[in-house]
Amino acid sequence: MKPYLKRQKNDAADAEAICEAVTRPTMRFVPVKSPDQQSVMMLHRVRLMLNRQRTQISNALRSHLSEFGVVAPTGRNGIEQLLVVINDENDARIPADARLCLRMLEAQLNVVKEQILENDRRVRASARGTELGRRLMEIPGVGPLLASAFVATVADAHAFKSGRSLSAWIGLVPKQNSSGGKERLGSISKAGNRYLRQLLVVGAMAVIRYAERNGTRRPWLVQLMARRTTKVAAVALANKTARMVWALMTNGERYREPLIGHW
C-alpha cells in the first residue's frame, strides 16, 4: 500500500491507502490457511528450530572437549565417540566439573533427539494422512517432508495462474534485467518461500545423485546433466518439480512417468 499513501502517515491515511490498493486489478492476495494447515506448518518450524538446537549442542560439546585435547571426526559418529569419553569416569583428561557440565549438554542433546524423532513421525503422518500428500509423494524428489510442507503452505493452488507462477513465488525462476526487447536472465531470484525452495533443491539433488549412480530414462535430465554443473541442474530440476506439484494440486491427477523424448 506504500505507493498509495498520501503525504503524512496516520491511521486515516493508511486506511485510505489500503482501500485504494485492494481495488487494483493486479493486486495479489494471500489465501487464508485453515487451522490444520497452520498446525502442520508449526511442525515444520519447530523441526527447524530443534535441528538448529541439535547442531548448537553438538558444536558446544566439540568445542568444550577440544579445550582438553579431545577431538573426534565430523558427523554423528564423531559425537557418539565424544559421548563415550564423557561417560568414561576413568578418563583423566576431563576434570570433574567439566564432566558435570558436559553431561548436562548430553542430557539436552538426548531430549532434542527424541523431540526431533517425534516431530518427524508427525510430519510423515500429516503427509500420508491426506489424499493430496500421497499423490505428491509419487513425484521423484518429493518425500513426506516436502509433500507435507506443500499441503500446509499452499492453501489454494488455483491462486497461481500457472506452474511458473508457483515457481516464481518460491524463488526458482531467473531474475530479469530486460530492456529494449532484449531479454537478460540472471540467477534465480530467491524470492518467496525459502523453506520450500530449500526442500525442492535437496530433493532434486537426491534425484540427480540417483541418476548418476543408476542412470535414468529421462532424456531432458540426461542432457541437462551433460551441459550444466550439478548444482545448476538441481535448481532447474527443482523448478520443474514445483511445476509438476502445481499441476497435480490443480487437476487432481496422479503422477505419471513421462514418455521417452517428452520430458
C-alpha atoms as a PDB file:
ATOM      1  CA  MET A   1       0.000   0.000   0.000  1.00  0.00           C
ATOM      2  CA  LYS A   2       3.029   2.307   0.209  1.00  0.00           C
ATOM      3  CA  PRO A   3       2.601   3.684  -3.350  1.00  0.00           C
ATOM      4  CA  TYR A   4      -0.962   4.758  -2.482  1.00  0.00           C
ATOM      5  CA  LEU A   5      -0.062   6.573   0.744  1.00  0.00           C
ATOM      6  CA  LYS A   6      -0.515  10.348   0.529  1.00  0.00           C
ATOM      7  CA  ARG A   7       1.604  12.850   2.422  1.00  0.00           C
ATOM      8  CA  GLN A   8       1.724  12.186   6.155  1.00  0.00           C
ATOM      9  CA  LYS A   9       1.355   8.741   7.697  1.00  0.00           C
ATOM     10  CA  ASN A  10      -1.534   8.246  10.099  1.00  0.00           C
ATOM     11  CA  ASP A  11      -4.324   5.747  10.660  1.00  0.00           C
ATOM     12  CA  ALA A  12      -6.772   7.509   8.373  1.00  0.00           C
ATOM     13  CA  ALA A  13      -4.233   7.809   5.541  1.00  0.00           C
ATOM     14  CA  ASP A  14      -3.233   4.142   5.995  1.00  0.00           C
ATOM     15  CA  ALA A  15      -6.869   3.020   5.794  1.00  0.00           C
ATOM     16  CA  GLU A  16      -7.414   5.091   2.663  1.00  0.00           C
ATOM     17  CA  ALA A  17      -4.287   3.611   1.043  1.00  0.00           C
ATOM     18  CA  ILE A  18      -5.403   0.066   1.892  1.00  0.00           C
ATOM     19  CA  CYS A  19      -8.836   0.673   0.373  1.00  0.00           C
ATOM     20  CA  GLU A  20      -7.203   2.047  -2.771  1.00  0.00           C
ATOM     21  CA  ALA A  21      -4.721  -0.835  -3.042  1.00  0.00           C
ATOM     22  CA  VAL A  22      -7.311  -3.617  -2.798  1.00  0.00           C
ATOM     23  CA  THR A  23      -9.272  -2.177  -5.720  1.00  0.00           C
ATOM     24  CA  ARG A  24      -6.355  -2.586  -8.156  1.00  0.00           C
ATOM     25  CA  PRO A  25      -7.000  -5.378 -10.690  1.00  0.00           C
ATOM     26  CA  THR A  26      -3.439  -6.758 -10.491  1.00  0.00           C
ATOM     27  CA  MET A  27      -3.277  -6.889  -6.699  1.00  0.00           C
ATOM     28  CA  ARG A  28      -2.367 -10.318  -5.306  1.00  0.00           C
ATOM     29  CA  PHE A  29      -3.852 -11.726  -2.120  1.00  0.00           C
ATOM     30  CA  VAL A  30      -2.769 -14.486   0.260  1.00  0.00           C
ATOM     31  CA  PRO A  31      -5.346 -17.280   0.694  1.00  0.00           C
ATOM     32  CA  VAL A  32      -6.407 -17.888   4.276  1.00  0.00           C
ATOM     33  CA  LYS A  33      -4.978 -21.081   5.772  1.00  0.00           C
ATOM     34  CA  SER A  34      -7.035 -23.463   7.848  1.00  0.00           C
ATOM     35  CA  PRO A  35      -6.121 -24.233  11.480  1.00  0.00           C
ATOM     36  CA  ASP A  36      -4.939 -27.704  10.378  1.00  0.00           C
ATOM     37  CA  GLN A  37      -2.585 -26.193   7.809  1.00  0.00           C
ATOM     38  CA  GLN A  38      -1.217 -23.763  10.366  1.00  0.00           C
ATOM     39  CA  SER A  39      -0.658 -26.651  12.786  1.00  0.00           C
ATOM     40  CA  VAL A  40       1.331 -28.612  10.197  1.00  0.00           C
ATOM     41  CA  MET A  41       3.433 -25.547   9.386  1.00  0.00           C
ATOM     42  CA  MET A  42       4.158 -25.246  13.102  1.00  0.00           C
ATOM     43  CA  LEU A  43       5.539 -28.795  12.977  1.00  0.00           C
ATOM     44  CA  HIS A  44       7.948 -27.726  10.237  1.00  0.00           C
ATOM     45  CA  ARG A  45       9.031 -24.544  12.033  1.00  0.00           C
ATOM     46  CA  VAL A  46       9.618 -26.413  15.287  1.00  0.00           C
ATOM     47  CA  ARG A  47      11.559 -29.054  13.346  1.00  0.00           C
ATOM     48  CA  LEU A  48      13.908 -26.375  12.007  1.00  0.00           C
ATOM     49  CA  MET A  49      14.387 -24.958  15.490  1.00  0.00           C
ATOM     50  CA  LEU A  50      15.114 -28.378  17.011  1.00  0.00           C
ATOM     51  CA  ASN A  51      17.661 -29.178  14.293  1.00  0.00           C
ATOM     52  CA  ARG A  52      19.416 -25.880  14.982  1.00  0.00           C
ATOM     53  CA  GLN A  53      19.478 -26.691  18.685  1.00  0.00           C
ATOM     54  CA  ARG A  54      20.928 -30.148  18.000  1.00  0.00           C
ATOM     55  CA  THR A  55      23.680 -28.592  15.904  1.00  0.00           C
ATOM     56  CA  GLN A  56      24.338 -25.956  18.550  1.00  0.00           C
ATOM     57  CA  ILE A  57      24.654 -28.509  21.368  1.00  0.00           C
ATOM     58  CA  SER A  58      26.850 -30.789  19.241  1.00  0.00           C
ATOM     59  CA  ASN A  59      29.177 -27.909  18.402  1.00  0.00           C
ATOM     60  CA  ALA A  60      29.319 -26.926  22.066  1.00  0.00           C
ATOM     61  CA  LEU A  61      30.365 -30.457  23.033  1.00  0.00           C
ATOM     62  CA  ARG A  62      33.078 -30.464  20.385  1.00  0.00           C
ATOM     63  CA  SER A  63      34.454 -27.060  21.329  1.00  0.00           C
ATOM     64  CA  HIS A  64      34.490 -27.735  25.078  1.00  0.00           C
ATOM     65  CA  LEU A  65      36.199 -31.108  24.707  1.00  0.00           C
ATOM     66  CA  SER A  66      38.737 -29.695  22.278  1.00  0.00           C
ATOM     67  CA  GLU A  67      39.936 -27.448  25.116  1.00  0.00           C
ATOM     68  CA  PHE A  68      41.164 -30.632  26.811  1.00  0.00           C
ATOM     69  CA  GLY A  69      42.653 -32.075  23.637  1.00  0.00           C
ATOM     70  CA  VAL A  70      39.760 -34.438  22.912  1.00  0.00           C
ATOM     71  CA  VAL A  71      38.652 -34.294  19.279  1.00  0.00           C
ATOM     72  CA  ALA A  72      36.571 -36.558  17.059  1.00  0.00           C
ATOM     73  CA  PRO A  73      35.674 -36.862  13.364  1.00  0.00           C
ATOM     74  CA  THR A  74      32.862 -34.776  11.934  1.00  0.00           C
ATOM     75  CA  GLY A  75      29.378 -36.217  11.760  1.00  0.00           C
ATOM     76  CA  ARG A  76      27.160 -38.080  14.189  1.00  0.00           C
ATOM     77  CA  ASN A  77      29.651 -40.911  14.666  1.00  0.00           C
ATOM     78  CA  GLY A  78      32.148 -38.376  15.977  1.00  0.00           C
ATOM     79  CA  ILE A  79      29.619 -37.105  18.514  1.00  0.00           C
ATOM     80  CA  GLU A  80      28.986 -40.655  19.714  1.00  0.00           C
ATOM     81  CA  GLN A  81      32.729 -41.076  20.290  1.00  0.00           C
ATOM     82  CA  LEU A  82      32.787 -37.898  22.365  1.00  0.00           C
ATOM     83  CA  LEU A  83      29.839 -39.085  24.454  1.00  0.00           C
ATOM     84  CA  VAL A  84      31.758 -42.274  25.266  1.00  0.00           C
ATOM     85  CA  VAL A  85      34.638 -40.144  26.550  1.00  0.00           C
ATOM     86  CA  ILE A  86      32.268 -38.016  28.639  1.00  0.00           C
ATOM     87  CA  ASN A  87      30.807 -41.074  30.368  1.00  0.00           C
ATOM     88  CA  ASP A  88      34.182 -42.715  30.992  1.00  0.00           C
ATOM     89  CA  GLU A  89      34.960 -41.961  34.638  1.00  0.00           C
ATOM     90  CA  ASN A  90      38.471 -43.382  34.234  1.00  0.00           C
ATOM     91  CA  ASP A  91      39.418 -40.843  31.562  1.00  0.00           C
ATOM     92  CA  ALA A  92      41.668 -38.436  33.451  1.00  0.00           C
ATOM     93  CA  ARG A  93      41.679 -35.863  30.668  1.00  0.00           C
ATOM     94  CA  ILE A  94      38.282 -34.476  31.712  1.00  0.00           C
ATOM     95  CA  PRO A  95      38.084 -32.693  35.127  1.00  0.00           C
ATOM     96  CA  ALA A  96      35.116 -33.436  37.358  1.00  0.00           C
ATOM     97  CA  ASP A  97      33.443 -30.028  36.988  1.00  0.00           C
ATOM     98  CA  ALA A  98      33.845 -30.108  33.209  1.00  0.00           C
ATOM     99  CA  ARG A  99      32.422 -33.636  33.067  1.00  0.00           C
ATOM    100  CA  LEU A 100      29.342 -32.468  35.008  1.00  0.00           C
ATOM    101  CA  CYS A 101      28.714 -29.643  32.517  1.00  0.00           C
ATOM    102  CA  LEU A 102      29.263 -31.923  29.555  1.00  0.00           C
ATOM    103  CA  ARG A 103      26.744 -34.417  30.894  1.00  0.00           C
ATOM    104  CA  MET A 104      24.206 -31.591  31.141  1.00  0.00           C
ATOM    105  CA  LEU A 105      24.743 -30.909  27.464  1.00  0.00           C
ATOM    106  CA  GLU A 106      24.460 -34.625  26.725  1.00  0.00           C
ATOM    107  CA  ALA A 107      21.105 -34.765  28.520  1.00  0.00           C
ATOM    108  CA  GLN A 108      19.841 -31.811  26.468  1.00  0.00           C
ATOM    109  CA  LEU A 109      21.068 -33.455  23.271  1.00  0.00           C
ATOM    110  CA  ASN A 110      19.176 -36.664  24.061  1.00  0.00           C
ATOM    111  CA  VAL A 111      15.965 -34.728  24.730  1.00  0.00           C
ATOM    112  CA  VAL A 112      16.292 -32.792  21.471  1.00  0.00           C
ATOM    113  CA  LYS A 113      16.915 -36.006  19.508  1.00  0.00           C
ATOM    114  CA  GLU A 114      13.768 -37.599  20.940  1.00  0.00           C
ATOM    115  CA  GLN A 115      11.742 -34.496  20.104  1.00  0.00           C
ATOM    116  CA  ILE A 116      13.074 -34.479  16.531  1.00  0.00           C
ATOM    117  CA  LEU A 117      12.082 -38.137  16.062  1.00  0.00           C
ATOM    118  CA  GLU A 118       8.585 -37.458  17.377  1.00  0.00           C
ATOM    119  CA  ASN A 119       8.290 -34.372  15.170  1.00  0.00           C
ATOM    120  CA  ASP A 120       9.386 -36.362  12.098  1.00  0.00           C
ATOM    121  CA  ARG A 121       6.777 -39.017  12.857  1.00  0.00           C
ATOM    122  CA  ARG A 122       4.064 -36.360  12.995  1.00  0.00           C
ATOM    123  CA  VAL A 123       5.240 -34.813   9.727  1.00  0.00           C
ATOM    124  CA  ARG A 124       5.186 -38.188   7.959  1.00  0.00           C
ATOM    125  CA  ALA A 125       1.721 -38.871   9.332  1.00  0.00           C
ATOM    126  CA  SER A 126       0.468 -35.496   8.089  1.00  0.00           C
ATOM    127  CA  ALA A 127       1.815 -36.182   4.590  1.00  0.00           C
ATOM    128  CA  ARG A 128       0.272 -39.656   4.404  1.00  0.00           C
ATOM    129  CA  GLY A 129      -2.962 -38.564   6.040  1.00  0.00           C
ATOM    130  CA  THR A 130      -4.187 -36.550   3.049  1.00  0.00           C
ATOM    131  CA  GLU A 131      -5.003 -37.741  -0.451  1.00  0.00           C
ATOM    132  CA  LEU A 132      -3.081 -34.803  -1.941  1.00  0.00           C
ATOM    133  CA  GLY A 133       0.001 -35.553   0.146  1.00  0.00           C
ATOM    134  CA  ARG A 134       0.042 -39.167  -1.008  1.00  0.00           C
ATOM    135  CA  ARG A 135      -0.209 -38.099  -4.655  1.00  0.00           C
ATOM    136  CA  LEU A 136       2.596 -35.553  -4.301  1.00  0.00           C
ATOM    137  CA  MET A 137       4.922 -38.152  -2.795  1.00  0.00           C
ATOM    138  CA  GLU A 138       4.726 -40.110  -6.054  1.00  0.00           C
ATOM    139  CA  ILE A 139       6.785 -37.377  -7.769  1.00  0.00           C
ATOM    140  CA  PRO A 140      10.530 -38.182  -7.828  1.00  0.00           C
ATOM    141  CA  GLY A 141      12.311 -35.935  -5.360  1.00  0.00           C
ATOM    142  CA  VAL A 142       9.206 -35.260  -3.247  1.00  0.00           C
ATOM    143  CA  GLY A 143       9.226 -37.045   0.079  1.00  0.00           C
ATOM    144  CA  PRO A 144       6.931 -36.811   3.112  1.00  0.00           C
ATOM    145  CA  LEU A 145       8.630 -33.647   4.376  1.00  0.00           C
ATOM    146  CA  LEU A 146       8.210 -31.708   1.119  1.00  0.00           C
ATOM    147  CA  ALA A 147       4.717 -33.049   0.443  1.00  0.00           C
ATOM    148  CA  SER A 148       3.584 -32.058   3.927  1.00  0.00           C
ATOM    149  CA  ALA A 149       5.128 -28.597   3.528  1.00  0.00           C
ATOM    150  CA  PHE A 150       3.346 -28.031   0.198  1.00  0.00           C
ATOM    151  CA  VAL A 151      -0.033 -29.121   1.539  1.00  0.00           C
ATOM    152  CA  ALA A 152       0.338 -26.837   4.550  1.00  0.00           C
ATOM    153  CA  THR A 153       1.867 -23.828   2.772  1.00  0.00           C
ATOM    154  CA  VAL A 154      -0.116 -23.634  -0.461  1.00  0.00           C
ATOM    155  CA  ALA A 155      -3.675 -23.185   0.780  1.00  0.00           C
ATOM    156  CA  ASP A 156      -5.142 -22.863  -2.734  1.00  0.00           C
ATOM    157  CA  ALA A 157      -3.041 -23.802  -5.761  1.00  0.00           C
ATOM    158  CA  HIS A 158      -5.592 -22.114  -8.044  1.00  0.00           C
ATOM    159  CA  ALA A 159      -4.360 -18.775  -6.664  1.00  0.00           C
ATOM    160  CA  PHE A 160      -1.403 -19.235  -9.030  1.00  0.00           C
ATOM    161  CA  LYS A 161      -2.149 -18.845 -12.737  1.00  0.00           C
ATOM    162  CA  SER A 162       0.431 -21.429 -13.782  1.00  0.00           C
ATOM    163  CA  GLY A 163       3.177 -23.664 -12.505  1.00  0.00           C
ATOM    164  CA  ARG A 164       5.702 -20.960 -13.339  1.00  0.00           C
ATOM    165  CA  SER A 165       3.843 -18.561 -11.055  1.00  0.00           C
ATOM    166  CA  LEU A 166       4.283 -21.038  -8.215  1.00  0.00           C
ATOM    167  CA  SER A 167       7.975 -21.436  -9.090  1.00  0.00           C
ATOM    168  CA  ALA A 168       8.370 -17.647  -9.117  1.00  0.00           C
ATOM    169  CA  TRP A 169       6.668 -17.415  -5.728  1.00  0.00           C
ATOM    170  CA  ILE A 170       9.116 -19.992  -4.361  1.00  0.00           C
ATOM    171  CA  GLY A 171      12.038 -18.129  -5.970  1.00  0.00           C
ATOM    172  CA  LEU A 172      13.196 -20.714  -8.516  1.00  0.00           C
ATOM    173  CA  VAL A 173      12.942 -18.626 -11.707  1.00  0.00           C
ATOM    174  CA  PRO A 174      15.698 -16.370 -13.150  1.00  0.00           C
ATOM    175  CA  LYS A 175      15.856 -12.688 -12.320  1.00  0.00           C
ATOM    176  CA  GLN A 176      15.274 -10.444 -15.314  1.00  0.00           C
ATOM    177  CA  ASN A 177      17.105  -7.291 -16.340  1.00  0.00           C
ATOM    178  CA  SER A 178      15.478  -6.952 -19.757  1.00  0.00           C
ATOM    179  CA  SER A 179      15.114  -3.766 -21.775  1.00  0.00           C
ATOM    180  CA  GLY A 180      14.562  -2.714 -25.366  1.00  0.00           C
ATOM    181  CA  GLY A 181      13.115  -6.055 -26.374  1.00  0.00           C
ATOM    182  CA  LYS A 182      16.269  -7.900 -25.332  1.00  0.00           C
ATOM    183  CA  GLU A 183      15.910 -10.486 -22.578  1.00  0.00           C
ATOM    184  CA  ARG A 184      18.647 -10.728 -19.975  1.00  0.00           C
ATOM    185  CA  LEU A 185      18.211 -13.521 -17.461  1.00  0.00           C
ATOM    186  CA  GLY A 186      20.355 -13.945 -14.368  1.00  0.00           C
ATOM    187  CA  SER A 187      20.440 -16.339 -11.440  1.00  0.00           C
ATOM    188  CA  ILE A 188      17.340 -17.403  -9.535  1.00  0.00           C
ATOM    189  CA  SER A 189      15.574 -14.638  -7.654  1.00  0.00           C
ATOM    190  CA  LYS A 190      15.494 -16.438  -4.270  1.00  0.00           C
ATOM    191  CA  ALA A 191      12.256 -14.619  -3.556  1.00  0.00           C
ATOM    192  CA  GLY A 192       9.303 -16.084  -1.731  1.00  0.00           C
ATOM    193  CA  ASN A 193       9.297 -19.216   0.389  1.00  0.00           C
ATOM    194  CA  ARG A 194      12.855 -20.114   1.375  1.00  0.00           C
ATOM    195  CA  TYR A 195      11.844 -23.323   3.148  1.00  0.00           C
ATOM    196  CA  LEU A 196      10.093 -24.844   0.121  1.00  0.00           C
ATOM    197  CA  ARG A 197      12.955 -23.776  -2.141  1.00  0.00           C
ATOM    198  CA  GLN A 198      15.481 -25.492   0.097  1.00  0.00           C
ATOM    199  CA  LEU A 199      13.477 -28.726   0.238  1.00  0.00           C
ATOM    200  CA  LEU A 200      12.930 -28.744  -3.525  1.00  0.00           C
ATOM    201  CA  VAL A 201      16.644 -28.325  -4.253  1.00  0.00           C
ATOM    202  CA  VAL A 202      17.564 -31.054  -1.761  1.00  0.00           C
ATOM    203  CA  GLY A 203      15.032 -33.391  -3.358  1.00  0.00           C
ATOM    204  CA  ALA A 204      16.365 -32.559  -6.832  1.00  0.00           C
ATOM    205  CA  MET A 205      19.917 -33.305  -5.664  1.00  0.00           C
ATOM    206  CA  ALA A 206      18.754 -36.721  -4.467  1.00  0.00           C
ATOM    207  CA  VAL A 207      17.231 -37.449  -7.892  1.00  0.00           C
ATOM    208  CA  ILE A 208      20.425 -36.368  -9.664  1.00  0.00           C
ATOM    209  CA  ARG A 209      22.674 -38.434  -7.386  1.00  0.00           C
ATOM    210  CA  TYR A 210      20.499 -41.473  -8.007  1.00  0.00           C
ATOM    211  CA  ALA A 211      20.635 -40.837 -11.769  1.00  0.00           C
ATOM    212  CA  GLU A 212      24.430 -40.573 -11.655  1.00  0.00           C
ATOM    213  CA  ARG A 213      24.718 -43.954  -9.927  1.00  0.00           C
ATOM    214  CA  ASN A 214      21.942 -45.897 -11.608  1.00  0.00           C
ATOM    215  CA  GLY A 215      21.144 -43.943 -14.760  1.00  0.00           C
ATOM    216  CA  THR A 216      17.793 -42.504 -15.863  1.00  0.00           C
ATOM    217  CA  ARG A 217      15.454 -42.803 -18.835  1.00  0.00           C
ATOM    218  CA  ARG A 218      14.610 -39.092 -18.815  1.00  0.00           C
ATOM    219  CA  PRO A 219      16.388 -37.509 -21.817  1.00  0.00           C
ATOM    220  CA  TRP A 220      15.829 -33.978 -20.551  1.00  0.00           C
ATOM    221  CA  LEU A 221      17.643 -34.695 -17.308  1.00  0.00           C
ATOM    222  CA  VAL A 222      20.461 -36.547 -19.065  1.00  0.00           C
ATOM    223  CA  GLN A 223      21.069 -33.645 -21.443  1.00  0.00           C
ATOM    224  CA  LEU A 224      20.876 -31.124 -18.622  1.00  0.00           C
ATOM    225  CA  MET A 225      23.429 -33.003 -16.515  1.00  0.00           C
ATOM    226  CA  ALA A 226      25.752 -33.209 -19.529  1.00  0.00           C
ATOM    227  CA  ARG A 227      25.891 -29.461 -20.162  1.00  0.00           C
ATOM    228  CA  ARG A 228      25.434 -27.967 -16.684  1.00  0.00           C
ATOM    229  CA  THR A 229      27.045 -28.398 -13.279  1.00  0.00           C
ATOM    230  CA  THR A 230      25.292 -30.489 -10.670  1.00  0.00           C
ATOM    231  CA  LYS A 231      24.009 -27.575  -8.593  1.00  0.00           C
ATOM    232  CA  VAL A 232      22.643 -25.712 -11.625  1.00  0.00           C
ATOM    233  CA  ALA A 233      20.943 -28.883 -12.844  1.00  0.00           C
ATOM    234  CA  ALA A 234      19.441 -29.381  -9.381  1.00  0.00           C
ATOM    235  CA  VAL A 235      17.899 -25.895  -9.396  1.00  0.00           C
ATOM    236  CA  ALA A 236      16.451 -26.465 -12.875  1.00  0.00           C
ATOM    237  CA  LEU A 237      15.032 -29.819 -11.777  1.00  0.00           C
ATOM    238  CA  ALA A 238      13.596 -28.212  -8.633  1.00  0.00           C
ATOM    239  CA  ASN A 239      11.844 -25.664 -10.855  1.00  0.00           C
ATOM    240  CA  LYS A 240      10.342 -28.443 -12.944  1.00  0.00           C
ATOM    241  CA  THR A 241       9.307 -30.338  -9.801  1.00  0.00           C
ATOM    242  CA  ALA A 242       7.480 -27.282  -8.477  1.00  0.00           C
ATOM    243  CA  ARG A 243       5.560 -27.037 -11.754  1.00  0.00           C
ATOM    244  CA  MET A 244       4.596 -30.699 -11.546  1.00  0.00           C
ATOM    245  CA  VAL A 245       3.415 -30.169  -7.976  1.00  0.00           C
ATOM    246  CA  TRP A 246       1.196 -27.298  -9.126  1.00  0.00           C
ATOM    247  CA  ALA A 247      -0.236 -29.452 -11.917  1.00  0.00           C
ATOM    248  CA  LEU A 248      -1.120 -32.281  -9.539  1.00  0.00           C
ATOM    249  CA  MET A 249      -2.601 -29.872  -6.996  1.00  0.00           C
ATOM    250  CA  THR A 250      -4.866 -28.203  -9.569  1.00  0.00           C
ATOM    251  CA  ASN A 251      -6.022 -31.056 -11.793  1.00  0.00           C
ATOM    252  CA  GLY A 252      -6.326 -33.795  -9.157  1.00  0.00           C
ATOM    253  CA  GLU A 253      -4.430 -36.349 -11.245  1.00  0.00           C
ATOM    254  CA  ARG A 254      -1.623 -38.705 -10.232  1.00  0.00           C
ATOM    255  CA  TYR A 255       1.994 -38.532 -11.308  1.00  0.00           C
ATOM    256  CA  ARG A 256       2.807 -40.438 -14.479  1.00  0.00           C
ATOM    257  CA  GLU A 257       6.284 -41.286 -15.695  1.00  0.00           C
ATOM    258  CA  PRO A 258       6.995 -39.239 -18.837  1.00  0.00           C
ATOM    259  CA  LEU A 259       7.410 -40.965 -22.164  1.00  0.00           C
ATOM    260  CA  ILE A 260      10.936 -41.031 -23.599  1.00  0.00           C
ATOM    261  CA  GLY A 261      11.517 -37.856 -25.570  1.00  0.00           C
ATOM    262  CA  HIS A 262       8.683 -35.939 -23.851  1.00  0.00           C
ATOM    263  CA  TRP A 263      10.285 -34.942 -20.553  1.00  0.00           C
END
